[in-house]
Amino acid sequence: MEIAILPKLTWRHPATLALALAGGWVFHMLHLPLAWMLGAMCATMFAALLELPVVTRTRPMRPPFAAILGVTLGATFQPSVFAQGQSLAVLLVAITASTVLCGLAGYQYLRRVAGFDRITAYFAAMPAGLQEMALQGGQAGGDERRIALIHACRVSLLVIFVPLLYGLIYHVDSQKTPLMTRTAGDIAGADWLWLTALAVVGWGVARRLEMPNAPMIGPLLLSASVHLLGWTEASPPHMLIVVAQVVIGSALGSNFVDTKWSLLWQTLRHGLVLVPILCGVCLSAAAVAGPLVGQSFGVVFLTLAPGGTTEMSLIALALHADVALVVSSQLVSILLVNFGATSLFRLRR
């Protein structure tokens, strides 16, 4: 089964990862939440904006490490999650409402205030993955560069501020998460086979079905199914999760490589307004849904936050939140956008 074509690597790829690793280590020593991903992202982002020649885009290296994170997040699903059926039903309404309202609010701002053309504004406003929206928007005739930058700014700002704010409010130590304490020596040979199979088969099937963000969502769904059935309790070791976070962070930060300062400033300026608008919508929905779901306001906000499935799920993992609930909700949101929003766009065309 064909999984992916290996990207053409140059000396800049390991150099970028080394810089990202250094940034993650600094944040780790400062005991900041989600240190390895946040530090890697900040280090590569600033290096990209300073136009340092050692930095290049590492997004082509992301898929295998996204698969590792997918298996990790799937391992958080336990049979007790079935007891949350009522919570998920209530959240489904909140997710649908917040996703639609975020899309509408984002479109109105980007179209009427930022002056984007209709196609660019539509795909840039959707609270979904950068790669999927940029690709679909470009194919529809929009400005792929602007769409990608708006999404990169949205995700980057949320990844920076959400963990920091949660760390200050809830005083949690992301380095003491149970899944971040398992070493390679704790995993038996049979469990290694399970983990490898979950990553490879899940990714391959999701890719064949053309799922959005297939490298992560496929392994996540398969891992969740296997863990819910009780076939294995295995999860990847701590060091693999750290490496995956560093690569994911470097991919986020290196999105800003070769970006002109004028375009960057214009995008960031609108992003700084757009993100609070989207967060305001999600905060309002969380305030209404929280008491009905029986979860804390902070957890419900993570289920609705427009920061990307991978990123918000990692934040939930780092902050000891209900990862299964956050992952399930974020998956519903991304499927709503990728299938519902794109289908609606084709109908309107």
C-alpha atoms as a PDB file:
ATOM      1  CA  MET A   1       0.000   0.000   0.000  1.00  0.00           C
ATOM      2  CA  GLU A   2       1.446   3.339  -1.031  1.00  0.00           C
ATOM      3  CA  ILE A   3       1.517   5.789   1.845  1.00  0.00           C
ATOM      4  CA  ALA A   4       3.450   8.837   0.682  1.00  0.00           C
ATOM      5  CA  ILE A   5       6.284   9.971  -1.490  1.00  0.00           C
ATOM      6  CA  LEU A   6       9.348  10.913   0.490  1.00  0.00           C
ATOM      7  CA  PRO A   7      10.103  14.621   0.140  1.00  0.00           C
ATOM      8  CA  LYS A   8      13.361  15.793  -1.365  1.00  0.00           C
ATOM      9  CA  LEU A   9      15.511  16.716   1.617  1.00  0.00           C
ATOM     10  CA  THR A  10      18.393  19.176   1.736  1.00  0.00           C
ATOM     11  CA  TRP A  11      20.825  20.197   4.471  1.00  0.00           C
ATOM     12  CA  ARG A  12      18.357  22.926   5.465  1.00  0.00           C
ATOM     13  CA  HIS A  13      15.800  20.384   6.715  1.00  0.00           C
ATOM     14  CA  PRO A  14      17.983  18.946   9.512  1.00  0.00           C
ATOM     15  CA  ALA A  15      19.246  22.478  10.231  1.00  0.00           C
ATOM     16  CA  THR A  16      15.663  23.697  10.644  1.00  0.00           C
ATOM     17  CA  LEU A  17      14.824  20.742  12.901  1.00  0.00           C
ATOM     18  CA  ALA A  18      17.937  21.401  14.998  1.00  0.00           C
ATOM     19  CA  LEU A  19      16.824  25.005  15.447  1.00  0.00           C
ATOM     20  CA  ALA A  20      13.307  23.822  16.321  1.00  0.00           C
ATOM     21  CA  LEU A  21      14.698  21.318  18.841  1.00  0.00           C
ATOM     22  CA  ALA A  22      16.738  24.078  20.482  1.00  0.00           C
ATOM     23  CA  GLY A  23      13.642  26.258  20.770  1.00  0.00           C
ATOM     24  CA  GLY A  24      11.675  23.379  22.284  1.00  0.00           C
ATOM     25  CA  TRP A  25      14.442  22.656  24.787  1.00  0.00           C
ATOM     26  CA  VAL A  26      14.515  26.309  25.918  1.00  0.00           C
ATOM     27  CA  PHE A  27      10.748  26.320  26.440  1.00  0.00           C
ATOM     28  CA  HIS A  28      11.022  22.957  28.212  1.00  0.00           C
ATOM     29  CA  MET A  29      13.625  24.355  30.625  1.00  0.00           C
ATOM     30  CA  LEU A  30      11.311  27.322  31.280  1.00  0.00           C
ATOM     31  CA  HIS A  31       8.508  24.839  32.138  1.00  0.00           C
ATOM     32  CA  LEU A  32       6.137  26.423  29.642  1.00  0.00           C
ATOM     33  CA  PRO A  33       3.033  24.448  28.621  1.00  0.00           C
ATOM     34  CA  LEU A  34       3.270  22.462  25.378  1.00  0.00           C
ATOM     35  CA  ALA A  35       6.957  23.385  25.431  1.00  0.00           C
ATOM     36  CA  TRP A  36       8.353  21.235  22.625  1.00  0.00           C
ATOM     37  CA  MET A  37       5.802  22.227  19.983  1.00  0.00           C
ATOM     38  CA  LEU A  38       5.457  25.854  21.072  1.00  0.00           C
ATOM     39  CA  GLY A  39       9.231  26.378  21.347  1.00  0.00           C
ATOM     40  CA  ALA A  40       9.881  24.715  17.988  1.00  0.00           C
ATOM     41  CA  MET A  41       7.223  26.852  16.323  1.00  0.00           C
ATOM     42  CA  CYS A  42       8.480  30.139  17.776  1.00  0.00           C
ATOM     43  CA  ALA A  43      12.142  29.403  16.942  1.00  0.00           C
ATOM     44  CA  THR A  44      11.465  28.520  13.297  1.00  0.00           C
ATOM     45  CA  MET A  45       8.908  31.299  12.859  1.00  0.00           C
ATOM     46  CA  PHE A  46      11.287  34.023  14.029  1.00  0.00           C
ATOM     47  CA  ALA A  47      14.140  32.542  11.985  1.00  0.00           C
ATOM     48  CA  ALA A  48      11.879  32.497   8.916  1.00  0.00           C
ATOM     49  CA  LEU A  49      10.822  36.117   9.445  1.00  0.00           C
ATOM     50  CA  LEU A  50      14.480  37.117   9.860  1.00  0.00           C
ATOM     51  CA  GLU A  51      15.163  35.314   6.543  1.00  0.00           C
ATOM     52  CA  LEU A  52      17.926  33.163   7.992  1.00  0.00           C
ATOM     53  CA  PRO A  53      19.270  30.932   5.194  1.00  0.00           C
ATOM     54  CA  VAL A  54      19.239  27.778   7.348  1.00  0.00           C
ATOM     55  CA  VAL A  55      15.430  27.666   7.562  1.00  0.00           C
ATOM     56  CA  THR A  56      13.238  25.856   5.064  1.00  0.00           C
ATOM     57  CA  ARG A  57       9.700  24.497   5.044  1.00  0.00           C
ATOM     58  CA  THR A  58       9.439  21.242   6.974  1.00  0.00           C
ATOM     59  CA  ARG A  59       5.755  20.627   6.275  1.00  0.00           C
ATOM     60  CA  PRO A  60       6.583  17.770   3.822  1.00  0.00           C
ATOM     61  CA  MET A  61       8.193  15.964   6.795  1.00  0.00           C
ATOM     62  CA  ARG A  62       5.069  16.333   8.942  1.00  0.00           C
ATOM     63  CA  PRO A  63       2.902  13.314   7.871  1.00  0.00           C
ATOM     64  CA  PRO A  64       4.826  10.430   9.560  1.00  0.00           C
ATOM     65  CA  PHE A  65       5.045  12.371  12.814  1.00  0.00           C
ATOM     66  CA  ALA A  66       1.386  13.377  12.578  1.00  0.00           C
ATOM     67  CA  ALA A  67       0.666   9.627  12.400  1.00  0.00           C
ATOM     68  CA  ILE A  68       2.576   9.137  15.679  1.00  0.00           C
ATOM     69  CA  LEU A  69       0.472  11.822  17.326  1.00  0.00           C
ATOM     70  CA  GLY A  70      -2.683  10.266  15.881  1.00  0.00           C
ATOM     71  CA  VAL A  71      -1.859   6.922  17.501  1.00  0.00           C
ATOM     72  CA  THR A  72      -1.011   8.719  20.764  1.00  0.00           C
ATOM     73  CA  LEU A  73      -4.282  10.647  20.880  1.00  0.00           C
ATOM     74  CA  GLY A  74      -6.237   7.531  19.940  1.00  0.00           C
ATOM     75  CA  ALA A  75      -4.702   5.754  22.929  1.00  0.00           C
ATOM     76  CA  THR A  76      -6.534   8.177  25.243  1.00  0.00           C
ATOM     77  CA  PHE A  77      -9.876   6.622  24.262  1.00  0.00           C
ATOM     78  CA  GLN A  78     -11.055   4.165  26.898  1.00  0.00           C
ATOM     79  CA  PRO A  79     -14.369   2.255  27.237  1.00  0.00           C
ATOM     80  CA  SER A  80     -15.518   4.871  29.761  1.00  0.00           C
ATOM     81  CA  VAL A  81     -15.891   7.304  26.837  1.00  0.00           C
ATOM     82  CA  PHE A  82     -19.206   5.601  25.972  1.00  0.00           C
ATOM     83  CA  ALA A  83     -20.655   7.152  29.109  1.00  0.00           C
ATOM     84  CA  GLN A  84     -20.161  10.569  27.483  1.00  0.00           C
ATOM     85  CA  GLY A  85     -22.716   9.957  24.744  1.00  0.00           C
ATOM     86  CA  GLN A  86     -25.091  12.620  26.091  1.00  0.00           C
ATOM     87  CA  SER A  87     -22.235  15.129  26.375  1.00  0.00           C
ATOM     88  CA  LEU A  88     -21.220  14.474  22.782  1.00  0.00           C
ATOM     89  CA  ALA A  89     -24.813  14.923  21.612  1.00  0.00           C
ATOM     90  CA  VAL A  90     -25.040  18.344  23.280  1.00  0.00           C
ATOM     91  CA  LEU A  91     -21.588  19.270  22.029  1.00  0.00           C
ATOM     92  CA  LEU A  92     -22.568  18.304  18.489  1.00  0.00           C
ATOM     93  CA  VAL A  93     -25.149  21.089  18.497  1.00  0.00           C
ATOM     94  CA  ALA A  94     -22.650  23.553  19.986  1.00  0.00           C
ATOM     95  CA  ILE A  95     -19.932  22.521  17.518  1.00  0.00           C
ATOM     96  CA  THR A  96     -22.246  22.918  14.542  1.00  0.00           C
ATOM     97  CA  ALA A  97     -23.479  26.302  15.710  1.00  0.00           C
ATOM     98  CA  SER A  98     -20.013  27.673  16.562  1.00  0.00           C
ATOM     99  CA  THR A  99     -18.493  26.365  13.319  1.00  0.00           C
ATOM    100  CA  VAL A 100     -21.201  27.983  11.199  1.00  0.00           C
ATOM    101  CA  LEU A 101     -21.046  31.252  13.149  1.00  0.00           C
ATOM    102  CA  CYS A 102     -17.224  31.338  12.985  1.00  0.00           C
ATOM    103  CA  GLY A 103     -17.362  30.823   9.227  1.00  0.00           C
ATOM    104  CA  LEU A 104     -19.965  33.545   8.758  1.00  0.00           C
ATOM    105  CA  ALA A 105     -18.207  36.043  11.041  1.00  0.00           C
ATOM    106  CA  GLY A 106     -14.820  35.339   9.491  1.00  0.00           C
ATOM    107  CA  TYR A 107     -16.168  35.688   5.962  1.00  0.00           C
ATOM    108  CA  GLN A 108     -17.911  38.983   6.705  1.00  0.00           C
ATOM    109  CA  TYR A 109     -14.752  40.449   8.233  1.00  0.00           C
ATOM    110  CA  LEU A 110     -12.372  39.266   5.505  1.00  0.00           C
ATOM    111  CA  ARG A 111     -14.757  40.280   2.734  1.00  0.00           C
ATOM    112  CA  ARG A 112     -16.028  43.630   4.009  1.00  0.00           C
ATOM    113  CA  VAL A 113     -13.139  44.910   6.167  1.00  0.00           C
ATOM    114  CA  ALA A 114     -10.040  43.188   4.813  1.00  0.00           C
ATOM    115  CA  GLY A 115     -11.244  43.481   1.218  1.00  0.00           C
ATOM    116  CA  PHE A 116     -10.530  39.889   0.165  1.00  0.00           C
ATOM    117  CA  ASP A 117     -12.273  38.563  -2.922  1.00  0.00           C
ATOM    118  CA  ARG A 118     -15.216  36.238  -2.245  1.00  0.00           C
ATOM    119  CA  ILE A 119     -13.444  32.930  -2.858  1.00  0.00           C
ATOM    120  CA  THR A 120     -10.359  33.860  -0.834  1.00  0.00           C
ATOM    121  CA  ALA A 121     -12.475  35.227   2.025  1.00  0.00           C
ATOM    122  CA  TYR A 122     -14.664  32.105   2.060  1.00  0.00           C
ATOM    123  CA  PHE A 123     -11.857  29.546   2.354  1.00  0.00           C
ATOM    124  CA  ALA A 124      -9.714  31.743   4.616  1.00  0.00           C
ATOM    125  CA  ALA A 125     -12.639  32.131   7.044  1.00  0.00           C
ATOM    126  CA  MET A 126     -13.348  28.404   7.470  1.00  0.00           C
ATOM    127  CA  PRO A 127     -12.028  27.118  10.856  1.00  0.00           C
ATOM    128  CA  ALA A 128     -10.245  24.081   9.396  1.00  0.00           C
ATOM    129  CA  GLY A 129      -6.787  22.873   8.438  1.00  0.00           C
ATOM    130  CA  LEU A 130      -4.362  25.148   6.615  1.00  0.00           C
ATOM    131  CA  GLN A 131      -3.370  22.638   3.955  1.00  0.00           C
ATOM    132  CA  GLU A 132      -6.886  21.513   3.057  1.00  0.00           C
ATOM    133  CA  MET A 133      -8.398  25.006   2.860  1.00  0.00           C
ATOM    134  CA  ALA A 134      -5.456  26.486   0.937  1.00  0.00           C
ATOM    135  CA  LEU A 135      -5.550  23.655  -1.592  1.00  0.00           C
ATOM    136  CA  GLN A 136      -9.311  23.755  -2.096  1.00  0.00           C
ATOM    137  CA  GLY A 137      -9.366  27.553  -2.172  1.00  0.00           C
ATOM    138  CA  GLY A 138      -6.569  27.656  -4.751  1.00  0.00           C
ATOM    139  CA  GLN A 139      -8.352  25.126  -6.945  1.00  0.00           C
ATOM    140  CA  ALA A 140     -11.540  27.202  -6.720  1.00  0.00           C
ATOM    141  CA  GLY A 141      -9.717  30.316  -7.940  1.00  0.00           C
ATOM    142  CA  GLY A 142      -8.826  32.025  -4.666  1.00  0.00           C
ATOM    143  CA  ASP A 143      -5.496  33.464  -3.528  1.00  0.00           C
ATOM    144  CA  GLU A 144      -3.858  30.343  -2.076  1.00  0.00           C
ATOM    145  CA  ARG A 145      -1.038  32.334  -0.447  1.00  0.00           C
ATOM    146  CA  ARG A 146      -3.407  34.604   1.484  1.00  0.00           C
ATOM    147  CA  ILE A 147      -5.603  31.703   2.537  1.00  0.00           C
ATOM    148  CA  ALA A 148      -2.578  29.808   3.850  1.00  0.00           C
ATOM    149  CA  LEU A 149      -1.241  32.845   5.710  1.00  0.00           C
ATOM    150  CA  ILE A 150      -4.569  33.636   7.371  1.00  0.00           C
ATOM    151  CA  HIS A 151      -4.856  30.053   8.598  1.00  0.00           C
ATOM    152  CA  ALA A 152      -1.198  30.010   9.673  1.00  0.00           C
ATOM    153  CA  CYS A 153      -1.716  33.209  11.693  1.00  0.00           C
ATOM    154  CA  ARG A 154      -4.930  31.862  13.263  1.00  0.00           C
ATOM    155  CA  VAL A 155      -3.410  28.549  14.333  1.00  0.00           C
ATOM    156  CA  SER A 156      -0.118  30.109  15.433  1.00  0.00           C
ATOM    157  CA  LEU A 157      -1.782  32.763  17.604  1.00  0.00           C
ATOM    158  CA  LEU A 158      -4.047  30.188  19.262  1.00  0.00           C
ATOM    159  CA  VAL A 159      -1.171  27.755  19.828  1.00  0.00           C
ATOM    160  CA  ILE A 160       0.858  30.528  21.468  1.00  0.00           C
ATOM    161  CA  PHE A 161      -1.782  32.089  23.699  1.00  0.00           C
ATOM    162  CA  VAL A 162      -4.134  29.233  24.659  1.00  0.00           C
ATOM    163  CA  PRO A 163      -1.514  27.053  26.444  1.00  0.00           C
ATOM    164  CA  LEU A 164       0.005  30.086  28.164  1.00  0.00           C
ATOM    165  CA  LEU A 165      -3.366  31.332  29.400  1.00  0.00           C
ATOM    166  CA  TYR A 166      -4.443  27.862  30.512  1.00  0.00           C
ATOM    167  CA  GLY A 167      -1.127  27.377  32.291  1.00  0.00           C
ATOM    168  CA  LEU A 168      -1.605  30.642  34.189  1.00  0.00           C
ATOM    169  CA  ILE A 169      -5.258  29.972  35.039  1.00  0.00           C
ATOM    170  CA  TYR A 170      -5.195  26.262  35.867  1.00  0.00           C
ATOM    171  CA  HIS A 171      -1.551  25.915  36.999  1.00  0.00           C
ATOM    172  CA  VAL A 172      -1.008  22.565  35.276  1.00  0.00           C
ATOM    173  CA  ASP A 173       2.381  21.046  34.448  1.00  0.00           C
ATOM    174  CA  SER A 174       2.259  19.732  30.878  1.00  0.00           C
ATOM    175  CA  GLN A 175       5.470  17.751  31.452  1.00  0.00           C
ATOM    176  CA  LYS A 176       3.721  15.438  33.958  1.00  0.00           C
ATOM    177  CA  THR A 177       1.097  14.109  31.569  1.00  0.00           C
ATOM    178  CA  PRO A 178       0.835  10.304  32.036  1.00  0.00           C
ATOM    179  CA  LEU A 179       1.433   9.607  28.338  1.00  0.00           C
ATOM    180  CA  MET A 180       4.641  11.675  28.534  1.00  0.00           C
ATOM    181  CA  THR A 181       6.258   9.355  31.103  1.00  0.00           C
ATOM    182  CA  ARG A 182       6.410   6.076  29.153  1.00  0.00           C
ATOM    183  CA  THR A 183       9.861   5.077  27.872  1.00  0.00           C
ATOM    184  CA  ALA A 184      10.769   2.808  24.952  1.00  0.00           C
ATOM    185  CA  GLY A 185      11.816   0.117  27.432  1.00  0.00           C
ATOM    186  CA  ASP A 186       8.299   0.010  28.882  1.00  0.00           C
ATOM    187  CA  ILE A 187       6.829  -1.166  25.551  1.00  0.00           C
ATOM    188  CA  ALA A 188       6.865  -4.868  24.690  1.00  0.00           C
ATOM    189  CA  GLY A 189       7.682  -6.181  21.230  1.00  0.00           C
ATOM    190  CA  ALA A 190       4.055  -7.064  20.474  1.00  0.00           C
ATOM    191  CA  ASP A 191       2.993  -3.541  21.423  1.00  0.00           C
ATOM    192  CA  TRP A 192       5.546  -2.089  19.002  1.00  0.00           C
ATOM    193  CA  LEU A 193       3.889  -4.141  16.252  1.00  0.00           C
ATOM    194  CA  TRP A 194       0.482  -2.789  17.303  1.00  0.00           C
ATOM    195  CA  LEU A 195       1.686   0.818  17.229  1.00  0.00           C
ATOM    196  CA  THR A 196       3.355   0.437  13.832  1.00  0.00           C
ATOM    197  CA  ALA A 197       0.298  -1.264  12.340  1.00  0.00           C
ATOM    198  CA  LEU A 198      -2.055   1.410  13.695  1.00  0.00           C
ATOM    199  CA  ALA A 199       0.037   4.179  12.121  1.00  0.00           C
ATOM    200  CA  VAL A 200       0.634   2.537   8.737  1.00  0.00           C
ATOM    201  CA  VAL A 201      -2.784   0.939   8.173  1.00  0.00           C
ATOM    202  CA  GLY A 202      -4.730   3.895   9.560  1.00  0.00           C
ATOM    203  CA  TRP A 203      -2.844   6.358   7.388  1.00  0.00           C
ATOM    204  CA  GLY A 204      -3.164   4.196   4.287  1.00  0.00           C
ATOM    205  CA  VAL A 205      -6.909   3.625   4.655  1.00  0.00           C
ATOM    206  CA  ALA A 206      -7.608   7.300   5.397  1.00  0.00           C
ATOM    207  CA  ARG A 207      -5.550   8.323   2.380  1.00  0.00           C
ATOM    208  CA  ARG A 208      -7.439   5.884   0.177  1.00  0.00           C
ATOM    209  CA  LEU A 209     -10.745   7.309   1.453  1.00  0.00           C
ATOM    210  CA  GLU A 210      -9.414  10.864   0.852  1.00  0.00           C
ATOM    211  CA  MET A 211     -10.023  11.928   4.438  1.00  0.00           C
ATOM    212  CA  PRO A 212      -8.848  15.412   5.470  1.00  0.00           C
ATOM    213  CA  ASN A 213      -5.533  15.355   7.355  1.00  0.00           C
ATOM    214  CA  ALA A 214      -5.287  11.625   6.604  1.00  0.00           C
ATOM    215  CA  PRO A 215      -1.852  11.047   8.229  1.00  0.00           C
ATOM    216  CA  MET A 216      -3.231  11.973  11.644  1.00  0.00           C
ATOM    217  CA  ILE A 217      -6.960  11.260  11.483  1.00  0.00           C
ATOM    218  CA  GLY A 218      -6.608   7.746  10.053  1.00  0.00           C
ATOM    219  CA  PRO A 219      -4.221   6.453  12.748  1.00  0.00           C
ATOM    220  CA  LEU A 220      -6.222   8.332  15.402  1.00  0.00           C
ATOM    221  CA  LEU A 221      -9.529   6.687  14.453  1.00  0.00           C
ATOM    222  CA  LEU A 222      -7.985   3.225  14.165  1.00  0.00           C
ATOM    223  CA  SER A 223      -6.060   3.626  17.432  1.00  0.00           C
ATOM    224  CA  ALA A 224      -9.204   4.851  19.216  1.00  0.00           C
ATOM    225  CA  SER A 225     -11.185   1.857  17.922  1.00  0.00           C
ATOM    226  CA  VAL A 226      -8.551  -0.670  18.995  1.00  0.00           C
ATOM    227  CA  HIS A 227      -8.162   0.891  22.455  1.00  0.00           C
ATOM    228  CA  LEU A 228     -11.927   1.102  22.957  1.00  0.00           C
ATOM    229  CA  LEU A 229     -12.181  -2.610  22.144  1.00  0.00           C
ATOM    230  CA  GLY A 230      -9.453  -3.317  24.700  1.00  0.00           C
ATOM    231  CA  TRP A 231      -7.174  -5.097  22.219  1.00  0.00           C
ATOM    232  CA  THR A 232      -4.143  -3.142  23.410  1.00  0.00           C
ATOM    233  CA  GLU A 233      -3.226  -0.440  25.901  1.00  0.00           C
ATOM    234  CA  ALA A 234      -0.012   0.531  24.110  1.00  0.00           C
ATOM    235  CA  SER A 235       0.940   4.118  23.326  1.00  0.00           C
ATOM    236  CA  PRO A 236       4.107   5.614  21.790  1.00  0.00           C
ATOM    237  CA  PRO A 237       7.031   6.380  24.115  1.00  0.00           C
ATOM    238  CA  HIS A 238       7.750   9.831  25.472  1.00  0.00           C
ATOM    239  CA  MET A 239      10.695  10.565  23.173  1.00  0.00           C
ATOM    240  CA  LEU A 240       8.723   9.795  19.996  1.00  0.00           C
ATOM    241  CA  ILE A 241       5.967  12.159  21.135  1.00  0.00           C
ATOM    242  CA  VAL A 242       8.550  14.886  21.808  1.00  0.00           C
ATOM    243  CA  VAL A 243      10.129  14.454  18.365  1.00  0.00           C
ATOM    244  CA  ALA A 244       6.688  14.540  16.740  1.00  0.00           C
ATOM    245  CA  GLN A 245       5.850  17.782  18.574  1.00  0.00           C
ATOM    246  CA  VAL A 246       9.122  19.348  17.434  1.00  0.00           C
ATOM    247  CA  VAL A 247       8.435  18.458  13.789  1.00  0.00           C
ATOM    248  CA  ILE A 248       4.816  19.670  13.983  1.00  0.00           C
ATOM    249  CA  GLY A 249       5.988  22.916  15.602  1.00  0.00           C
ATOM    250  CA  SER A 250       8.690  23.475  12.982  1.00  0.00           C
ATOM    251  CA  ALA A 251       6.120  22.869  10.227  1.00  0.00           C
ATOM    252  CA  LEU A 252       3.885  25.571  11.723  1.00  0.00           C
ATOM    253  CA  GLY A 253       6.717  28.073  12.120  1.00  0.00           C
ATOM    254  CA  SER A 254       8.268  27.448   8.703  1.00  0.00           C
ATOM    255  CA  ASN A 255       4.974  28.353   7.012  1.00  0.00           C
ATOM    256  CA  PHE A 256       6.314  31.917   7.119  1.00  0.00           C
ATOM    257  CA  VAL A 257       9.386  31.171   4.967  1.00  0.00           C
ATOM    258  CA  ASP A 258       9.645  33.419   1.861  1.00  0.00           C
ATOM    259  CA  THR A 259       6.817  35.650   3.061  1.00  0.00           C
ATOM    260  CA  LYS A 260       7.079  39.295   2.095  1.00  0.00           C
ATOM    261  CA  TRP A 261       6.891  41.646   5.050  1.00  0.00           C
ATOM    262  CA  SER A 262       4.122  43.720   3.471  1.00  0.00           C
ATOM    263  CA  LEU A 263       1.916  40.674   2.915  1.00  0.00           C
ATOM    264  CA  LEU A 264       2.795  39.292   6.331  1.00  0.00           C
ATOM    265  CA  TRP A 265       1.913  42.533   8.111  1.00  0.00           C
ATOM    266  CA  GLN A 266      -1.375  42.829   6.263  1.00  0.00           C
ATOM    267  CA  THR A 267      -2.272  39.231   7.088  1.00  0.00           C
ATOM    268  CA  LEU A 268      -1.140  39.448  10.716  1.00  0.00           C
ATOM    269  CA  ARG A 269      -3.042  42.692  11.185  1.00  0.00           C
ATOM    270  CA  HIS A 270      -6.258  41.049  10.070  1.00  0.00           C
ATOM    271  CA  GLY A 271      -5.410  37.862  11.965  1.00  0.00           C
ATOM    272  CA  LEU A 272      -5.099  39.822  15.211  1.00  0.00           C
ATOM    273  CA  VAL A 273      -8.680  41.005  14.718  1.00  0.00           C
ATOM    274  CA  LEU A 274     -10.071  37.778  13.277  1.00  0.00           C
ATOM    275  CA  VAL A 275      -8.828  35.478  16.063  1.00  0.00           C
ATOM    276  CA  PRO A 276     -10.593  37.400  18.882  1.00  0.00           C
ATOM    277  CA  ILE A 277     -13.794  37.393  16.802  1.00  0.00           C
ATOM    278  CA  LEU A 278     -13.633  33.600  16.367  1.00  0.00           C
ATOM    279  CA  CYS A 279     -12.672  33.080  20.012  1.00  0.00           C
ATOM    280  CA  GLY A 280     -15.578  35.291  21.093  1.00  0.00           C
ATOM    281  CA  VAL A 281     -17.981  33.052  19.189  1.00  0.00           C
ATOM    282  CA  CYS A 282     -16.474  29.895  20.716  1.00  0.00           C
ATOM    283  CA  LEU A 283     -16.371  31.374  24.226  1.00  0.00           C
ATOM    284  CA  SER A 284     -20.071  32.260  23.985  1.00  0.00           C
ATOM    285  CA  ALA A 285     -20.946  28.764  22.780  1.00  0.00           C
ATOM    286  CA  ALA A 286     -18.809  27.221  25.547  1.00  0.00           C
ATOM    287  CA  ALA A 287     -20.548  29.342  28.197  1.00  0.00           C
ATOM    288  CA  VAL A 288     -23.936  28.036  27.040  1.00  0.00           C
ATOM    289  CA  ALA A 289     -22.930  24.399  26.456  1.00  0.00           C
ATOM    290  CA  GLY A 290     -20.675  23.968  29.523  1.00  0.00           C
ATOM    291  CA  PRO A 291     -23.401  23.552  32.169  1.00  0.00           C
ATOM    292  CA  LEU A 292     -25.382  21.228  29.866  1.00  0.00           C
ATOM    293  CA  VAL A 293     -22.374  19.011  29.149  1.00  0.00           C
ATOM    294  CA  GLY A 294     -21.191  18.788  32.743  1.00  0.00           C
ATOM    295  CA  GLN A 295     -17.621  19.742  31.821  1.00  0.00           C
ATOM    296  CA  SER A 296     -15.540  22.705  32.898  1.00  0.00           C
ATOM    297  CA  PHE A 297     -15.619  25.846  30.784  1.00  0.00           C
ATOM    298  CA  GLY A 298     -11.943  25.380  29.859  1.00  0.00           C
ATOM    299  CA  VAL A 299     -12.467  21.874  28.479  1.00  0.00           C
ATOM    300  CA  VAL A 300     -15.563  22.868  26.486  1.00  0.00           C
ATOM    301  CA  PHE A 301     -13.709  25.794  24.928  1.00  0.00           C
ATOM    302  CA  LEU A 302     -10.970  23.424  23.711  1.00  0.00           C
ATOM    303  CA  THR A 303     -13.613  21.271  22.035  1.00  0.00           C
ATOM    304  CA  LEU A 304     -14.814  24.317  20.068  1.00  0.00           C
ATOM    305  CA  ALA A 305     -11.614  26.351  19.594  1.00  0.00           C
ATOM    306  CA  PRO A 306     -10.745  26.987  15.915  1.00  0.00           C
ATOM    307  CA  GLY A 307      -7.082  26.078  16.309  1.00  0.00           C
ATOM    308  CA  GLY A 308      -6.771  22.854  14.320  1.00  0.00           C
ATOM    309  CA  THR A 309      -7.392  19.248  15.339  1.00  0.00           C
ATOM    310  CA  THR A 310      -3.746  18.342  15.955  1.00  0.00           C
ATOM    311  CA  GLU A 311      -2.894  21.505  17.842  1.00  0.00           C
ATOM    312  CA  MET A 312      -5.980  21.673  20.099  1.00  0.00           C
ATOM    313  CA  SER A 313      -5.757  17.949  20.858  1.00  0.00           C
ATOM    314  CA  LEU A 314      -2.112  18.328  21.865  1.00  0.00           C
ATOM    315  CA  ILE A 315      -3.029  21.255  24.097  1.00  0.00           C
ATOM    316  CA  ALA A 316      -5.714  19.100  25.725  1.00  0.00           C
ATOM    317  CA  LEU A 317      -3.146  16.335  26.259  1.00  0.00           C
ATOM    318  CA  ALA A 318      -0.659  18.778  27.749  1.00  0.00           C
ATOM    319  CA  LEU A 319      -3.209  20.386  30.053  1.00  0.00           C
ATOM    320  CA  HIS A 320      -4.624  17.074  31.382  1.00  0.00           C
ATOM    321  CA  ALA A 321      -8.041  17.831  29.862  1.00  0.00           C
ATOM    322  CA  ASP A 322     -10.491  15.194  28.605  1.00  0.00           C
ATOM    323  CA  VAL A 323      -8.492  14.385  25.476  1.00  0.00           C
ATOM    324  CA  ALA A 324     -11.031  11.934  24.024  1.00  0.00           C
ATOM    325  CA  LEU A 325     -13.802  14.531  24.267  1.00  0.00           C
ATOM    326  CA  VAL A 326     -11.654  17.268  22.710  1.00  0.00           C
ATOM    327  CA  VAL A 327     -10.403  14.995  19.913  1.00  0.00           C
ATOM    328  CA  SER A 328     -13.926  13.756  19.094  1.00  0.00           C
ATOM    329  CA  SER A 329     -15.291  17.288  18.979  1.00  0.00           C
ATOM    330  CA  GLN A 330     -12.449  18.642  16.869  1.00  0.00           C
ATOM    331  CA  LEU A 331     -12.883  15.766  14.412  1.00  0.00           C
ATOM    332  CA  VAL A 332     -16.571  16.603  14.051  1.00  0.00           C
ATOM    333  CA  SER A 333     -15.675  20.244  13.419  1.00  0.00           C
ATOM    334  CA  ILE A 334     -13.067  19.522  10.769  1.00  0.00           C
ATOM    335  CA  LEU A 335     -15.361  17.056   8.984  1.00  0.00           C
ATOM    336  CA  LEU A 336     -18.168  19.629   9.016  1.00  0.00           C
ATOM    337  CA  VAL A 337     -15.923  22.211   7.381  1.00  0.00           C
ATOM    338  CA  ASN A 338     -14.123  19.961   4.912  1.00  0.00           C
ATOM    339  CA  PHE A 339     -17.274  18.279   3.640  1.00  0.00           C
ATOM    340  CA  GLY A 340     -20.089  20.677   4.504  1.00  0.00           C
ATOM    341  CA  ALA A 341     -18.405  23.983   3.640  1.00  0.00           C
ATOM    342  CA  THR A 342     -16.829  22.757   0.424  1.00  0.00           C
ATOM    343  CA  SER A 343     -20.088  21.124  -0.701  1.00  0.00           C
ATOM    344  CA  LEU A 344     -21.967  24.355   0.041  1.00  0.00           C
ATOM    345  CA  PHE A 345     -19.400  26.313  -1.983  1.00  0.00           C
ATOM    346  CA  ARG A 346     -19.870  24.009  -4.997  1.00  0.00           C
ATOM    347  CA  LEU A 347     -23.647  24.334  -4.740  1.00  0.00           C
ATOM    348  CA  ARG A 348     -23.425  28.132  -4.640  1.00  0.00           C
ATOM    349  CA  ARG A 349     -21.121  28.091  -7.647  1.00  0.00           C
END
